[in-house]
Amino acid sequence: MRFERLLSVATSVVKSILLSLPPKLREEAAECRIEFCEMDALIDLDEDLDPDLLGLFEGNARCDPLPEAPDEMPRIRLFLDNLWDDCAGDLQTYRHEVRITFLHELGHYLGLDEDQVAELGLA
């Protein structure tokens, strides 16, 4: 599937999630940048990235001190090509995986560690 279509579906899923959050949580989530990426386009630029990543939270979490440098600014990256490949080309599964991956990374932004995210069923 073309990236534009994957982007459209993922954007719709994330927007729906954000709108469904309680107002306070929605405000906090709005402070985190969300990027939709293709891993294939980034892997040559950043060799430290695991080529199989579905999503990644980077920067300072909400519970951390305010960012002092641009690289500390919070951001969530969703790797749409990897998500699509992981779903074996099934659109329904892709929507579900975008949802789970976004909520997982949002959990990290909100200060949850891997165990806490897993306890919420987002691992």
PDB file of N, CA and C in Angstrom:
ATOM      1  N   MET A   1       0.853  -1.176   0.000  1.00  0.00           N
ATOM      2  CA  MET A   1       0.000   0.000   0.000  1.00  0.00           C
ATOM      3  C   MET A   1       0.896   1.235   0.000  1.00  0.00           C
ATOM      4  N   ARG A   2       0.459   2.264  -0.672  1.00  0.00           N
ATOM      5  CA  ARG A   2       1.242   3.497  -0.760  1.00  0.00           C
ATOM      6  C   ARG A   2       1.272   4.222   0.572  1.00  0.00           C
ATOM      7  N   PHE A   3       2.373   4.936   0.805  1.00  0.00           N
ATOM      8  CA  PHE A   3       2.566   5.651   2.066  1.00  0.00           C
ATOM      9  C   PHE A   3       1.439   6.646   2.320  1.00  0.00           C
ATOM     10  N   GLU A   4       0.968   7.319   1.293  1.00  0.00           N
ATOM     11  CA  GLU A   4      -0.088   8.324   1.466  1.00  0.00           C
ATOM     12  C   GLU A   4      -1.338   7.700   2.076  1.00  0.00           C
ATOM     13  N   ARG A   5      -1.679   6.492   1.640  1.00  0.00           N
ATOM     14  CA  ARG A   5      -2.859   5.803   2.184  1.00  0.00           C
ATOM     15  C   ARG A   5      -2.609   5.352   3.615  1.00  0.00           C
ATOM     16  N   LEU A   6      -1.407   4.816   3.881  1.00  0.00           N
ATOM     17  CA  LEU A   6      -1.050   4.416   5.248  1.00  0.00           C
ATOM     18  C   LEU A   6      -1.089   5.623   6.174  1.00  0.00           C
ATOM     19  N   LEU A   7      -0.601   6.749   5.703  1.00  0.00           N
ATOM     20  CA  LEU A   7      -0.600   7.985   6.483  1.00  0.00           C
ATOM     21  C   LEU A   7      -2.019   8.448   6.767  1.00  0.00           C
ATOM     22  N   SER A   8      -2.872   8.405   5.780  1.00  0.00           N
ATOM     23  CA  SER A   8      -4.255   8.828   5.960  1.00  0.00           C
ATOM     24  C   SER A   8      -4.962   7.976   7.016  1.00  0.00           C
ATOM     25  N   VAL A   9      -4.791   6.678   6.939  1.00  0.00           N
ATOM     26  CA  VAL A   9      -5.432   5.776   7.902  1.00  0.00           C
ATOM     27  C   VAL A   9      -4.859   6.002   9.297  1.00  0.00           C
ATOM     28  N   ALA A  10      -3.529   6.071   9.416  1.00  0.00           N
ATOM     29  CA  ALA A  10      -2.889   6.251  10.720  1.00  0.00           C
ATOM     30  C   ALA A  10      -3.271   7.587  11.342  1.00  0.00           C
ATOM     31  N   THR A  11      -3.322   8.636  10.545  1.00  0.00           N
ATOM     32  CA  THR A  11      -3.709   9.953  11.048  1.00  0.00           C
ATOM     33  C   THR A  11      -5.125   9.913  11.595  1.00  0.00           C
ATOM     34  N   SER A  12      -6.012   9.254  10.887  1.00  0.00           N
ATOM     35  CA  SER A  12      -7.395   9.129  11.331  1.00  0.00           C
ATOM     36  C   SER A  12      -7.491   8.362  12.653  1.00  0.00           C
ATOM     37  N   VAL A  13      -6.739   7.280  12.779  1.00  0.00           N
ATOM     38  CA  VAL A  13      -6.747   6.481  14.012  1.00  0.00           C
ATOM     39  C   VAL A  13      -6.240   7.308  15.186  1.00  0.00           C
ATOM     40  N   VAL A  14      -5.110   7.986  15.001  1.00  0.00           N
ATOM     41  CA  VAL A  14      -4.519   8.774  16.087  1.00  0.00           C
ATOM     42  C   VAL A  14      -5.441   9.936  16.468  1.00  0.00           C
ATOM     43  N   LYS A  15      -6.013  10.591  15.488  1.00  0.00           N
ATOM     44  CA  LYS A  15      -6.934  11.698  15.766  1.00  0.00           C
ATOM     45  C   LYS A  15      -8.127  11.211  16.584  1.00  0.00           C
ATOM     46  N   SER A  16      -8.665  10.068  16.226  1.00  0.00           N
ATOM     47  CA  SER A  16      -9.792   9.480  16.949  1.00  0.00           C
ATOM     48  C   SER A  16      -9.409   9.165  18.396  1.00  0.00           C
ATOM     49  N   ILE A  17      -8.218   8.623  18.589  1.00  0.00           N
ATOM     50  CA  ILE A  17      -7.736   8.320  19.943  1.00  0.00           C
ATOM     51  C   ILE A  17      -7.636   9.598  20.755  1.00  0.00           C
ATOM     52  N   LEU A  18      -7.004  10.618  20.183  1.00  0.00           N
ATOM     53  CA  LEU A  18      -6.817  11.872  20.916  1.00  0.00           C
ATOM     54  C   LEU A  18      -8.159  12.493  21.308  1.00  0.00           C
ATOM     55  N   LEU A  19      -9.120  12.440  20.404  1.00  0.00           N
ATOM     56  CA  LEU A  19     -10.440  13.005  20.705  1.00  0.00           C
ATOM     57  C   LEU A  19     -11.182  12.220  21.777  1.00  0.00           C
ATOM     58  N   SER A  20     -10.839  10.945  21.928  1.00  0.00           N
ATOM     59  CA  SER A  20     -11.528  10.114  22.922  1.00  0.00           C
ATOM     60  C   SER A  20     -10.910  10.211  24.315  1.00  0.00           C
ATOM     61  N   LEU A  21      -9.756  10.841  24.422  1.00  0.00           N
ATOM     62  CA  LEU A  21      -9.093  10.951  25.725  1.00  0.00           C
ATOM     63  C   LEU A  21      -9.831  11.938  26.629  1.00  0.00           C
ATOM     64  N   PRO A  22      -9.754  11.732  27.942  1.00  0.00           N
ATOM     65  CA  PRO A  22     -10.292  12.739  28.859  1.00  0.00           C
ATOM     66  C   PRO A  22      -9.596  14.084  28.609  1.00  0.00           C
ATOM     67  N   PRO A  23     -10.292  15.204  28.821  1.00  0.00           N
ATOM     68  CA  PRO A  23      -9.739  16.520  28.491  1.00  0.00           C
ATOM     69  C   PRO A  23      -8.330  16.784  29.039  1.00  0.00           C
ATOM     70  N   LYS A  24      -8.070  16.459  30.290  1.00  0.00           N
ATOM     71  CA  LYS A  24      -6.749  16.722  30.879  1.00  0.00           C
ATOM     72  C   LYS A  24      -5.668  15.923  30.142  1.00  0.00           C
ATOM     73  N   LEU A  25      -5.944  14.673  29.889  1.00  0.00           N
ATOM     74  CA  LEU A  25      -4.993  13.818  29.189  1.00  0.00           C
ATOM     75  C   LEU A  25      -4.810  14.285  27.743  1.00  0.00           C
ATOM     76  N   ARG A  26      -5.889  14.745  27.121  1.00  0.00           N
ATOM     77  CA  ARG A  26      -5.809  15.267  25.756  1.00  0.00           C
ATOM     78  C   ARG A  26      -4.900  16.488  25.702  1.00  0.00           C
ATOM     79  N   GLU A  27      -5.005  17.371  26.713  1.00  0.00           N
ATOM     80  CA  GLU A  27      -4.140  18.549  26.780  1.00  0.00           C
ATOM     81  C   GLU A  27      -2.675  18.149  26.895  1.00  0.00           C
ATOM     82  N   GLU A  28      -2.402  17.167  27.754  1.00  0.00           N
ATOM     83  CA  GLU A  28      -1.027  16.703  27.931  1.00  0.00           C
ATOM     84  C   GLU A  28      -0.501  16.067  26.644  1.00  0.00           C
ATOM     85  N   ALA A  29      -1.316  15.265  26.001  1.00  0.00           N
ATOM     86  CA  ALA A  29      -0.902  14.602  24.762  1.00  0.00           C
ATOM     87  C   ALA A  29      -0.621  15.616  23.659  1.00  0.00           C
ATOM     88  N   ALA A  30      -1.336  16.733  23.674  1.00  0.00           N
ATOM     89  CA  ALA A  30      -1.158  17.759  22.645  1.00  0.00           C
ATOM     90  C   ALA A  30       0.229  18.393  22.709  1.00  0.00           C
ATOM     91  N   GLU A  31       0.918  18.239  23.812  1.00  0.00           N
ATOM     92  CA  GLU A  31       2.253  18.826  23.965  1.00  0.00           C
ATOM     93  C   GLU A  31       3.347  17.927  23.404  1.00  0.00           C
ATOM     94  N   CYS A  32       2.975  16.764  22.901  1.00  0.00           N
ATOM     95  CA  CYS A  32       3.945  15.830  22.340  1.00  0.00           C
ATOM     96  C   CYS A  32       3.771  15.783  20.819  1.00  0.00           C
ATOM     97  N   ARG A  33       4.845  16.021  20.126  1.00  0.00           N
ATOM     98  CA  ARG A  33       4.813  15.977  18.663  1.00  0.00           C
ATOM     99  C   ARG A  33       4.627  14.533  18.194  1.00  0.00           C
ATOM    100  N   ILE A  34       3.837  14.346  17.165  1.00  0.00           N
ATOM    101  CA  ILE A  34       3.587  13.024  16.600  1.00  0.00           C
ATOM    102  C   ILE A  34       4.073  13.041  15.158  1.00  0.00           C
ATOM    103  N   GLU A  35       4.942  12.093  14.825  1.00  0.00           N
ATOM    104  CA  GLU A  35       5.468  11.988  13.468  1.00  0.00           C
ATOM    105  C   GLU A  35       5.105  10.631  12.888  1.00  0.00           C
ATOM    106  N   PHE A  36       4.716  10.640  11.633  1.00  0.00           N
ATOM    107  CA  PHE A  36       4.438   9.417  10.895  1.00  0.00           C
ATOM    108  C   PHE A  36       5.576   9.256   9.886  1.00  0.00           C
ATOM    109  N   CYS A  37       6.318   8.171  10.010  1.00  0.00           N
ATOM    110  CA  CYS A  37       7.550   8.002   9.242  1.00  0.00           C
ATOM    111  C   CYS A  37       7.567   6.680   8.488  1.00  0.00           C
ATOM    112  N   GLU A  38       8.492   6.617   7.549  1.00  0.00           N
ATOM    113  CA  GLU A  38       8.834   5.358   6.891  1.00  0.00           C
ATOM    114  C   GLU A  38      10.209   4.951   7.404  1.00  0.00           C
ATOM    115  N   MET A  39      10.307   3.785   7.992  1.00  0.00           N
ATOM    116  CA  MET A  39      11.596   3.321   8.492  1.00  0.00           C
ATOM    117  C   MET A  39      12.602   3.215   7.350  1.00  0.00           C
ATOM    118  N   ASP A  40      12.141   2.755   6.204  1.00  0.00           N
ATOM    119  CA  ASP A  40      13.049   2.604   5.064  1.00  0.00           C
ATOM    120  C   ASP A  40      13.742   3.913   4.719  1.00  0.00           C
ATOM    121  N   ALA A  41      13.074   5.034   4.925  1.00  0.00           N
ATOM    122  CA  ALA A  41      13.656   6.336   4.607  1.00  0.00           C
ATOM    123  C   ALA A  41      14.601   6.829   5.698  1.00  0.00           C
ATOM    124  N   LEU A  42      14.467   6.314   6.921  1.00  0.00           N
ATOM    125  CA  LEU A  42      15.266   6.809   8.049  1.00  0.00           C
ATOM    126  C   LEU A  42      16.471   5.939   8.394  1.00  0.00           C
ATOM    127  N   ILE A  43      16.410   4.673   8.061  1.00  0.00           N
ATOM    128  CA  ILE A  43      17.430   3.734   8.534  1.00  0.00           C
ATOM    129  C   ILE A  43      18.827   4.121   8.062  1.00  0.00           C
ATOM    130  N   ASP A  44      18.932   4.699   6.885  1.00  0.00           N
ATOM    131  CA  ASP A  44      20.243   5.134   6.396  1.00  0.00           C
ATOM    132  C   ASP A  44      20.718   6.393   7.109  1.00  0.00           C
ATOM    133  N   LEU A  45      19.780   7.193   7.626  1.00  0.00           N
ATOM    134  CA  LEU A  45      20.131   8.427   8.318  1.00  0.00           C
ATOM    135  C   LEU A  45      20.482   8.196   9.780  1.00  0.00           C
ATOM    136  N   ASP A  46      19.887   7.191  10.391  1.00  0.00           N
ATOM    137  CA  ASP A  46      20.094   6.920  11.809  1.00  0.00           C
ATOM    138  C   ASP A  46      20.307   5.421  12.000  1.00  0.00           C
ATOM    139  N   GLU A  47      21.558   5.017  11.984  1.00  0.00           N
ATOM    140  CA  GLU A  47      21.892   3.592  12.063  1.00  0.00           C
ATOM    141  C   GLU A  47      21.605   2.997  13.433  1.00  0.00           C
ATOM    142  N   ASP A  48      21.331   3.836  14.448  1.00  0.00           N
ATOM    143  CA  ASP A  48      21.015   3.338  15.784  1.00  0.00           C
ATOM    144  C   ASP A  48      19.581   2.829  15.894  1.00  0.00           C
ATOM    145  N   LEU A  49      18.748   3.170  14.930  1.00  0.00           N
ATOM    146  CA  LEU A  49      17.353   2.720  14.969  1.00  0.00           C
ATOM    147  C   LEU A  49      17.275   1.227  14.686  1.00  0.00           C
ATOM    148  N   ASP A  50      16.472   0.536  15.479  1.00  0.00           N
ATOM    149  CA  ASP A  50      16.176  -0.868  15.206  1.00  0.00           C
ATOM    150  C   ASP A  50      15.292  -0.898  13.963  1.00  0.00           C
ATOM    151  N   PRO A  51      15.690  -1.583  12.909  1.00  0.00           N
ATOM    152  CA  PRO A  51      14.906  -1.551  11.669  1.00  0.00           C
ATOM    153  C   PRO A  51      13.517  -2.174  11.786  1.00  0.00           C
ATOM    154  N   ASP A  52      13.236  -2.866  12.886  1.00  0.00           N
ATOM    155  CA  ASP A  52      11.935  -3.503  13.071  1.00  0.00           C
ATOM    156  C   ASP A  52      10.990  -2.721  13.985  1.00  0.00           C
ATOM    157  N   LEU A  53      11.401  -1.535  14.435  1.00  0.00           N
ATOM    158  CA  LEU A  53      10.555  -0.741  15.336  1.00  0.00           C
ATOM    159  C   LEU A  53       9.216  -0.401  14.696  1.00  0.00           C
ATOM    160  N   LEU A  54       8.171  -0.458  15.518  1.00  0.00           N
ATOM    161  CA  LEU A  54       6.843  -0.028  15.080  1.00  0.00           C
ATOM    162  C   LEU A  54       6.579   1.410  15.508  1.00  0.00           C
ATOM    163  N   GLY A  55       7.108   1.776  16.674  1.00  0.00           N
ATOM    164  CA  GLY A  55       6.935   3.118  17.198  1.00  0.00           C
ATOM    165  C   GLY A  55       8.059   3.439  18.158  1.00  0.00           C
ATOM    166  N   LEU A  56       8.222   4.718  18.457  1.00  0.00           N
ATOM    167  CA  LEU A  56       9.310   5.145  19.329  1.00  0.00           C
ATOM    168  C   LEU A  56       8.932   6.453  20.005  1.00  0.00           C
ATOM    169  N   PHE A  57       9.147   6.510  21.331  1.00  0.00           N
ATOM    170  CA  PHE A  57       9.028   7.779  22.046  1.00  0.00           C
ATOM    171  C   PHE A  57      10.433   8.282  22.304  1.00  0.00           C
ATOM    172  N   GLU A  58      10.667   9.556  22.014  1.00  0.00           N
ATOM    173  CA  GLU A  58      11.971  10.179  22.240  1.00  0.00           C
ATOM    174  C   GLU A  58      11.770  11.509  22.952  1.00  0.00           C
ATOM    175  N   GLY A  59      12.785  11.897  23.711  1.00  0.00           N
ATOM    176  CA  GLY A  59      12.742  13.191  24.393  1.00  0.00           C
ATOM    177  C   GLY A  59      12.302  13.060  25.830  1.00  0.00           C
ATOM    178  N   ASN A  60      11.973  14.190  26.420  1.00  0.00           N
ATOM    179  CA  ASN A  60      11.564  14.225  27.821  1.00  0.00           C
ATOM    180  C   ASN A  60      10.106  13.832  27.978  1.00  0.00           C
ATOM    181  N   ALA A  61       9.862  12.978  28.951  1.00  0.00           N
ATOM    182  CA  ALA A  61       8.489  12.612  29.301  1.00  0.00           C
ATOM    183  C   ALA A  61       7.863  13.757  30.095  1.00  0.00           C
ATOM    184  N   ARG A  62       6.558  13.681  30.290  1.00  0.00           N
ATOM    185  CA  ARG A  62       5.839  14.725  31.047  1.00  0.00           C
ATOM    186  C   ARG A  62       6.409  14.912  32.445  1.00  0.00           C
ATOM    187  N   CYS A  63       6.870  13.822  33.054  1.00  0.00           N
ATOM    188  CA  CYS A  63       7.353  13.893  34.434  1.00  0.00           C
ATOM    189  C   CYS A  63       8.804  14.368  34.517  1.00  0.00           C
ATOM    190  N   ASP A  64       9.476  14.529  33.386  1.00  0.00           N
ATOM    191  CA  ASP A  64      10.856  15.004  33.357  1.00  0.00           C
ATOM    192  C   ASP A  64      10.885  16.528  33.439  1.00  0.00           C
ATOM    193  N   PRO A  65      12.064  17.080  33.725  1.00  0.00           N
ATOM    194  CA  PRO A  65      12.185  18.544  33.687  1.00  0.00           C
ATOM    195  C   PRO A  65      11.865  19.080  32.290  1.00  0.00           C
ATOM    196  N   LEU A  66      11.534  20.348  32.220  1.00  0.00           N
ATOM    197  CA  LEU A  66      11.258  20.950  30.919  1.00  0.00           C
ATOM    198  C   LEU A  66      12.471  20.808  30.009  1.00  0.00           C
ATOM    199  N   PRO A  67      12.230  20.562  28.733  1.00  0.00           N
ATOM    200  CA  PRO A  67      13.343  20.400  27.796  1.00  0.00           C
ATOM    201  C   PRO A  67      14.201  21.653  27.722  1.00  0.00           C
ATOM    202  N   GLU A  68      15.511  21.429  27.671  1.00  0.00           N
ATOM    203  CA  GLU A  68      16.450  22.543  27.539  1.00  0.00           C
ATOM    204  C   GLU A  68      17.059  22.606  26.154  1.00  0.00           C
ATOM    205  N   ALA A  69      16.939  21.533  25.401  1.00  0.00           N
ATOM    206  CA  ALA A  69      17.522  21.467  24.065  1.00  0.00           C
ATOM    207  C   ALA A  69      16.503  20.854  23.103  1.00  0.00           C
ATOM    208  N   PRO A  70      16.639  21.151  21.825  1.00  0.00           N
ATOM    209  CA  PRO A  70      15.681  20.623  20.848  1.00  0.00           C
ATOM    210  C   PRO A  70      15.562  19.089  20.863  1.00  0.00           C
ATOM    211  N   ASP A  71      16.661  18.388  21.117  1.00  0.00           N
ATOM    212  CA  ASP A  71      16.594  16.926  21.099  1.00  0.00           C
ATOM    213  C   ASP A  71      15.898  16.346  22.337  1.00  0.00           C
ATOM    214  N   GLU A  72      15.571  17.201  23.307  1.00  0.00           N
ATOM    215  CA  GLU A  72      14.834  16.758  24.490  1.00  0.00           C
ATOM    216  C   GLU A  72      13.325  16.965  24.341  1.00  0.00           C
ATOM    217  N   MET A  73      12.922  17.634  23.272  1.00  0.00           N
ATOM    218  CA  MET A  73      11.504  17.866  23.040  1.00  0.00           C
ATOM    219  C   MET A  73      10.825  16.514  22.811  1.00  0.00           C
ATOM    220  N   PRO A  74       9.673  16.292  23.417  1.00  0.00           N
ATOM    221  CA  PRO A  74       9.018  14.993  23.285  1.00  0.00           C
ATOM    222  C   PRO A  74       8.434  14.774  21.895  1.00  0.00           C
ATOM    223  N   ARG A  75       8.611  13.556  21.404  1.00  0.00           N
ATOM    224  CA  ARG A  75       7.980  13.193  20.141  1.00  0.00           C
ATOM    225  C   ARG A  75       7.730  11.695  20.100  1.00  0.00           C
ATOM    226  N   ILE A  76       6.656  11.359  19.431  1.00  0.00           N
ATOM    227  CA  ILE A  76       6.300   9.975  19.159  1.00  0.00           C
ATOM    228  C   ILE A  76       6.445   9.780  17.660  1.00  0.00           C
ATOM    229  N   ARG A  77       7.167   8.729  17.295  1.00  0.00           N
ATOM    230  CA  ARG A  77       7.288   8.391  15.879  1.00  0.00           C
ATOM    231  C   ARG A  77       6.619   7.042  15.639  1.00  0.00           C
ATOM    232  N   LEU A  78       5.759   7.002  14.655  1.00  0.00           N
ATOM    233  CA  LEU A  78       5.139   5.752  14.220  1.00  0.00           C
ATOM    234  C   LEU A  78       5.716   5.402  12.856  1.00  0.00           C
ATOM    235  N   PHE A  79       6.222   4.196  12.727  1.00  0.00           N
ATOM    236  CA  PHE A  79       6.859   3.735  11.495  1.00  0.00           C
ATOM    237  C   PHE A  79       5.822   2.959  10.682  1.00  0.00           C
ATOM    238  N   LEU A  80       5.177   3.670   9.778  1.00  0.00           N
ATOM    239  CA  LEU A  80       4.008   3.141   9.092  1.00  0.00           C
ATOM    240  C   LEU A  80       4.321   1.955   8.192  1.00  0.00           C
ATOM    241  N   ASP A  81       5.476   1.969   7.541  1.00  0.00           N
ATOM    242  CA  ASP A  81       5.815   0.828   6.686  1.00  0.00           C
ATOM    243  C   ASP A  81       6.018  -0.436   7.518  1.00  0.00           C
ATOM    244  N   ASN A  82       6.664  -0.303   8.678  1.00  0.00           N
ATOM    245  CA  ASN A  82       6.852  -1.461   9.552  1.00  0.00           C
ATOM    246  C   ASN A  82       5.525  -1.946  10.122  1.00  0.00           C
ATOM    247  N   LEU A  83       4.659  -1.020  10.500  1.00  0.00           N
ATOM    248  CA  LEU A  83       3.339  -1.402  11.005  1.00  0.00           C
ATOM    249  C   LEU A  83       2.564  -2.168   9.931  1.00  0.00           C
ATOM    250  N   TRP A  84       2.613  -1.671   8.698  1.00  0.00           N
ATOM    251  CA  TRP A  84       1.905  -2.323   7.603  1.00  0.00           C
ATOM    252  C   TRP A  84       2.478  -3.717   7.352  1.00  0.00           C
ATOM    253  N   ASP A  85       3.796  -3.814   7.302  1.00  0.00           N
ATOM    254  CA  ASP A  85       4.441  -5.118   7.086  1.00  0.00           C
ATOM    255  C   ASP A  85       4.092  -6.093   8.202  1.00  0.00           C
ATOM    256  N   ASP A  86       4.049  -5.601   9.430  1.00  0.00           N
ATOM    257  CA  ASP A  86       3.739  -6.441  10.588  1.00  0.00           C
ATOM    258  C   ASP A  86       2.307  -6.980  10.519  1.00  0.00           C
ATOM    259  N   CYS A  87       1.444  -6.278   9.811  1.00  0.00           N
ATOM    260  CA  CYS A  87       0.033  -6.661   9.717  1.00  0.00           C
ATOM    261  C   CYS A  87      -0.257  -7.524   8.493  1.00  0.00           C
ATOM    262  N   ALA A  88       0.783  -7.874   7.776  1.00  0.00           N
ATOM    263  CA  ALA A  88       0.642  -8.732   6.588  1.00  0.00           C
ATOM    264  C   ALA A  88      -0.391  -8.178   5.602  1.00  0.00           C
ATOM    265  N   GLY A  89      -0.453  -6.860   5.512  1.00  0.00           N
ATOM    266  CA  GLY A  89      -1.320  -6.243   4.524  1.00  0.00           C
ATOM    267  C   GLY A  89      -2.799  -6.228   4.852  1.00  0.00           C
ATOM    268  N   ASP A  90      -3.172  -6.454   6.099  1.00  0.00           N
ATOM    269  CA  ASP A  90      -4.583  -6.432   6.502  1.00  0.00           C
ATOM    270  C   ASP A  90      -4.908  -5.067   7.109  1.00  0.00           C
ATOM    271  N   LEU A  91      -5.821  -4.342   6.477  1.00  0.00           N
ATOM    272  CA  LEU A  91      -6.128  -2.975   6.894  1.00  0.00           C
ATOM    273  C   LEU A  91      -6.724  -2.901   8.296  1.00  0.00           C
ATOM    274  N   GLN A  92      -7.592  -3.816   8.650  1.00  0.00           N
ATOM    275  CA  GLN A  92      -8.188  -3.833   9.986  1.00  0.00           C
ATOM    276  C   GLN A  92      -7.107  -4.039  11.055  1.00  0.00           C
ATOM    277  N   THR A  93      -6.214  -4.971  10.803  1.00  0.00           N
ATOM    278  CA  THR A  93      -5.118  -5.237  11.739  1.00  0.00           C
ATOM    279  C   THR A  93      -4.191  -4.026  11.816  1.00  0.00           C
ATOM    280  N   TYR A  94      -3.948  -3.384  10.682  1.00  0.00           N
ATOM    281  CA  TYR A  94      -3.112  -2.183  10.653  1.00  0.00           C
ATOM    282  C   TYR A  94      -3.696  -1.093  11.558  1.00  0.00           C
ATOM    283  N   ARG A  95      -4.987  -0.849  11.441  1.00  0.00           N
ATOM    284  CA  ARG A  95      -5.638   0.159  12.308  1.00  0.00           C
ATOM    285  C   ARG A  95      -5.435  -0.195  13.784  1.00  0.00           C
ATOM    286  N   HIS A  96      -5.634  -1.463  14.100  1.00  0.00           N
ATOM    287  CA  HIS A  96      -5.473  -1.922  15.485  1.00  0.00           C
ATOM    288  C   HIS A  96      -4.031  -1.719  15.955  1.00  0.00           C
ATOM    289  N   GLU A  97      -3.069  -2.080  15.132  1.00  0.00           N
ATOM    290  CA  GLU A  97      -1.656  -1.947  15.515  1.00  0.00           C
ATOM    291  C   GLU A  97      -1.235  -0.494  15.647  1.00  0.00           C
ATOM    292  N   VAL A  98      -1.745   0.376  14.783  1.00  0.00           N
ATOM    293  CA  VAL A  98      -1.464   1.820  14.919  1.00  0.00           C
ATOM    294  C   VAL A  98      -1.995   2.294  16.264  1.00  0.00           C
ATOM    295  N   ARG A  99      -3.201   1.868  16.617  1.00  0.00           N
ATOM    296  CA  ARG A  99      -3.816   2.261  17.893  1.00  0.00           C
ATOM    297  C   ARG A  99      -2.969   1.794  19.071  1.00  0.00           C
ATOM    298  N   ILE A 100      -2.635   0.518  19.112  1.00  0.00           N
ATOM    299  CA  ILE A 100      -1.862  -0.045  20.222  1.00  0.00           C
ATOM    300  C   ILE A 100      -0.482   0.603  20.310  1.00  0.00           C
ATOM    301  N   THR A 101       0.164   0.766  19.164  1.00  0.00           N
ATOM    302  CA  THR A 101       1.517   1.345  19.156  1.00  0.00           C
ATOM    303  C   THR A 101       1.487   2.798  19.611  1.00  0.00           C
ATOM    304  N   PHE A 102       0.517   3.565  19.122  1.00  0.00           N
ATOM    305  CA  PHE A 102       0.427   4.963  19.546  1.00  0.00           C
ATOM    306  C   PHE A 102       0.167   5.063  21.042  1.00  0.00           C
ATOM    307  N   LEU A 103      -0.780   4.289  21.553  1.00  0.00           N
ATOM    308  CA  LEU A 103      -1.078   4.330  22.986  1.00  0.00           C
ATOM    309  C   LEU A 103       0.125   3.873  23.816  1.00  0.00           C
ATOM    310  N   HIS A 104       0.872   2.902  23.328  1.00  0.00           N
ATOM    311  CA  HIS A 104       2.087   2.438  24.011  1.00  0.00           C
ATOM    312  C   HIS A 104       3.090   3.590  24.139  1.00  0.00           C
ATOM    313  N   GLU A 105       3.353   4.258  23.036  1.00  0.00           N
ATOM    314  CA  GLU A 105       4.327   5.363  23.049  1.00  0.00           C
ATOM    315  C   GLU A 105       3.786   6.556  23.836  1.00  0.00           C
ATOM    316  N   LEU A 106       2.497   6.805  23.768  1.00  0.00           N
ATOM    317  CA  LEU A 106       1.895   7.875  24.568  1.00  0.00           C
ATOM    318  C   LEU A 106       2.064   7.567  26.054  1.00  0.00           C
ATOM    319  N   GLY A 107       1.935   6.301  26.418  1.00  0.00           N
ATOM    320  CA  GLY A 107       2.176   5.888  27.805  1.00  0.00           C
ATOM    321  C   GLY A 107       3.575   6.248  28.260  1.00  0.00           C
ATOM    322  N   HIS A 108       4.567   6.036  27.389  1.00  0.00           N
ATOM    323  CA  HIS A 108       5.938   6.416  27.743  1.00  0.00           C
ATOM    324  C   HIS A 108       6.049   7.930  27.923  1.00  0.00           C
ATOM    325  N   TYR A 109       5.410   8.684  27.037  1.00  0.00           N
ATOM    326  CA  TYR A 109       5.425  10.135  27.167  1.00  0.00           C
ATOM    327  C   TYR A 109       4.825  10.575  28.504  1.00  0.00           C
ATOM    328  N   LEU A 110       3.800   9.871  28.939  1.00  0.00           N
ATOM    329  CA  LEU A 110       3.140  10.218  30.196  1.00  0.00           C
ATOM    330  C   LEU A 110       3.890   9.689  31.415  1.00  0.00           C
ATOM    331  N   GLY A 111       5.021   9.016  31.192  1.00  0.00           N
ATOM    332  CA  GLY A 111       5.887   8.612  32.291  1.00  0.00           C
ATOM    333  C   GLY A 111       5.820   7.145  32.677  1.00  0.00           C
ATOM    334  N   LEU A 112       5.118   6.332  31.917  1.00  0.00           N
ATOM    335  CA  LEU A 112       5.026   4.911  32.238  1.00  0.00           C
ATOM    336  C   LEU A 112       6.231   4.152  31.681  1.00  0.00           C
ATOM    337  N   ASP A 113       6.722   3.179  32.451  1.00  0.00           N
ATOM    338  CA  ASP A 113       7.813   2.344  31.943  1.00  0.00           C
ATOM    339  C   ASP A 113       7.220   1.154  31.183  1.00  0.00           C
ATOM    340  N   GLU A 114       8.088   0.301  30.652  1.00  0.00           N
ATOM    341  CA  GLU A 114       7.625  -0.838  29.842  1.00  0.00           C
ATOM    342  C   GLU A 114       6.668  -1.746  30.611  1.00  0.00           C
ATOM    343  N   ASP A 115       6.959  -2.029  31.880  1.00  0.00           N
ATOM    344  CA  ASP A 115       6.091  -2.903  32.668  1.00  0.00           C
ATOM    345  C   ASP A 115       4.711  -2.279  32.870  1.00  0.00           C
ATOM    346  N   GLN A 116       4.691  -0.993  33.170  1.00  0.00           N
ATOM    347  CA  GLN A 116       3.405  -0.312  33.383  1.00  0.00           C
ATOM    348  C   GLN A 116       2.591  -0.253  32.097  1.00  0.00           C
ATOM    349  N   VAL A 117       3.254  -0.017  30.972  1.00  0.00           N
ATOM    350  CA  VAL A 117       2.572   0.003  29.679  1.00  0.00           C
ATOM    351  C   VAL A 117       2.006  -1.398  29.398  1.00  0.00           C
ATOM    352  N   ALA A 118       2.786  -2.423  29.668  1.00  0.00           N
ATOM    353  CA  ALA A 118       2.339  -3.800  29.435  1.00  0.00           C
ATOM    354  C   ALA A 118       1.134  -4.141  30.310  1.00  0.00           C
ATOM    355  N   GLU A 119       1.140  -3.669  31.559  1.00  0.00           N
ATOM    356  CA  GLU A 119       0.013  -3.927  32.461  1.00  0.00           C
ATOM    357  C   GLU A 119      -1.290  -3.353  31.909  1.00  0.00           C
ATOM    358  N   LEU A 120      -1.187  -2.306  31.110  1.00  0.00           N
ATOM    359  CA  LEU A 120      -2.373  -1.708  30.480  1.00  0.00           C
ATOM    360  C   LEU A 120      -2.781  -2.433  29.211  1.00  0.00           C
ATOM    361  N   GLY A 121      -2.025  -3.470  28.866  1.00  0.00           N
ATOM    362  CA  GLY A 121      -2.337  -4.240  27.661  1.00  0.00           C
ATOM    363  C   GLY A 121      -1.828  -3.598  26.392  1.00  0.00           C
ATOM    364  N   LEU A 122      -0.810  -2.749  26.509  1.00  0.00           N
ATOM    365  CA  LEU A 122      -0.307  -2.005  25.358  1.00  0.00           C
ATOM    366  C   LEU A 122       1.108  -2.420  24.962  1.00  0.00           C
ATOM    367  N   ALA A 123       1.401  -3.700  25.135  1.00  0.00           N
ATOM    368  CA  ALA A 123       2.742  -4.176  24.767  1.00  0.00           C
ATOM    369  C   ALA A 123       2.668  -5.191  23.656  1.00  0.00           C
TER     370      ALA A 123
END
